[in-house]
Amino acid sequence: MIENSGLDYTILRPEWFTNANEVDYAITQKGTPEKGSAISRKSIAAFVATLVQNPELHNKENLGISKPN
């Protein structure tokens, strides 16, 4: 529904969360297998902060986010 709504959005599909004190992430497009593993909450927060500061970045995209292997 969201993807067909006409709204501006970014869907994030993270792997399992960890409490690791690191920022290290890889982004994959919808339909592409994710290549990573569990991701730190700090990494997700850093990516979301980037999206807030740059709303046009990844607009209307459905993304996987994980820690690169």
Protein backbone atom coordinates (compact mmCIF):
# COMPACT_ATOMS: atom_id res chain seq x y z
CA MET A 1 0.00 0.00 0.00
CA ILE A 2 2.75 2.44 0.89
CA GLU A 3 4.62 1.90 -2.37
CA ASN A 4 1.45 2.56 -4.38
CA SER A 5 0.25 5.51 -2.28
CA GLY A 6 2.01 8.38 -4.07
CA LEU A 7 3.47 9.50 -0.73
CA ASP A 8 7.15 10.17 -0.13
CA TYR A 9 8.60 7.24 1.82
CA THR A 10 11.65 5.11 2.49
CA ILE A 11 11.05 1.59 3.75
CA LEU A 12 13.90 0.03 5.75
CA ARG A 13 14.19 -3.71 6.23
CA PRO A 14 16.96 -4.26 8.81
CA GLU A 15 18.52 -7.55 9.81
CA TRP A 16 18.60 -8.45 13.52
CA PHE A 17 19.66 -5.58 15.79
CA THR A 18 22.75 -5.52 17.99
CA ASN A 19 23.96 -3.07 20.65
CA ALA A 20 27.44 -2.85 19.10
CA ASN A 21 29.10 0.57 19.26
CA GLU A 22 29.76 0.84 15.52
CA VAL A 23 28.44 2.43 12.36
CA ASP A 24 28.87 -0.01 9.49
CA TYR A 25 26.08 -0.79 7.06
CA ALA A 26 25.30 -1.89 3.54
CA ILE A 27 22.13 -1.03 1.64
CA THR A 28 20.41 -3.36 -0.83
CA GLN A 29 17.51 -2.61 -3.13
CA LYS A 30 14.20 -4.48 -2.95
CA GLY A 31 14.48 -7.80 -4.76
CA THR A 32 18.24 -8.03 -4.21
CA PRO A 33 19.48 -10.57 -1.64
CA GLU A 34 20.96 -8.97 1.44
CA LYS A 35 24.66 -9.67 1.82
CA GLY A 36 25.14 -8.83 5.46
CA SER A 37 24.33 -9.83 9.00
CA ALA A 38 22.96 -8.37 12.23
CA ILE A 39 23.26 -4.58 12.32
CA SER A 40 23.86 -2.22 15.21
CA ARG A 41 21.11 0.11 16.33
CA LYS A 42 23.72 2.89 16.03
CA SER A 43 24.16 2.08 12.30
CA ILE A 44 20.41 2.25 11.68
CA ALA A 45 20.22 5.56 13.55
CA ALA A 46 23.09 6.99 11.49
CA PHE A 47 21.39 6.00 8.24
CA VAL A 48 18.02 7.42 9.35
CA ALA A 49 19.75 10.68 10.36
CA THR A 50 21.23 10.88 6.85
CA LEU A 51 17.74 10.42 5.38
CA VAL A 52 16.29 13.14 7.62
CA GLN A 53 19.02 15.57 6.54
CA ASN A 54 18.61 14.59 2.85
CA PRO A 55 14.91 13.79 2.28
CA GLU A 56 15.40 13.31 -1.47
CA LEU A 57 17.94 10.53 -0.83
CA HIS A 58 16.35 7.07 -1.30
CA ASN A 59 12.88 8.61 -1.73
CA LYS A 60 10.30 6.02 -2.81
CA GLU A 61 12.69 3.14 -2.16
CA ASN A 62 12.38 -0.12 -0.24
CA LEU A 63 15.80 -0.93 1.22
CA GLY A 64 17.47 -3.71 3.12
CA ILE A 65 20.06 -2.57 5.64
CA SER A 66 22.60 -4.87 7.26
CA LYS A 67 26.18 -5.03 8.47
CA PRO A 68 28.43 -6.03 5.55
CA ASN A 69 30.09 -9.42 5.87
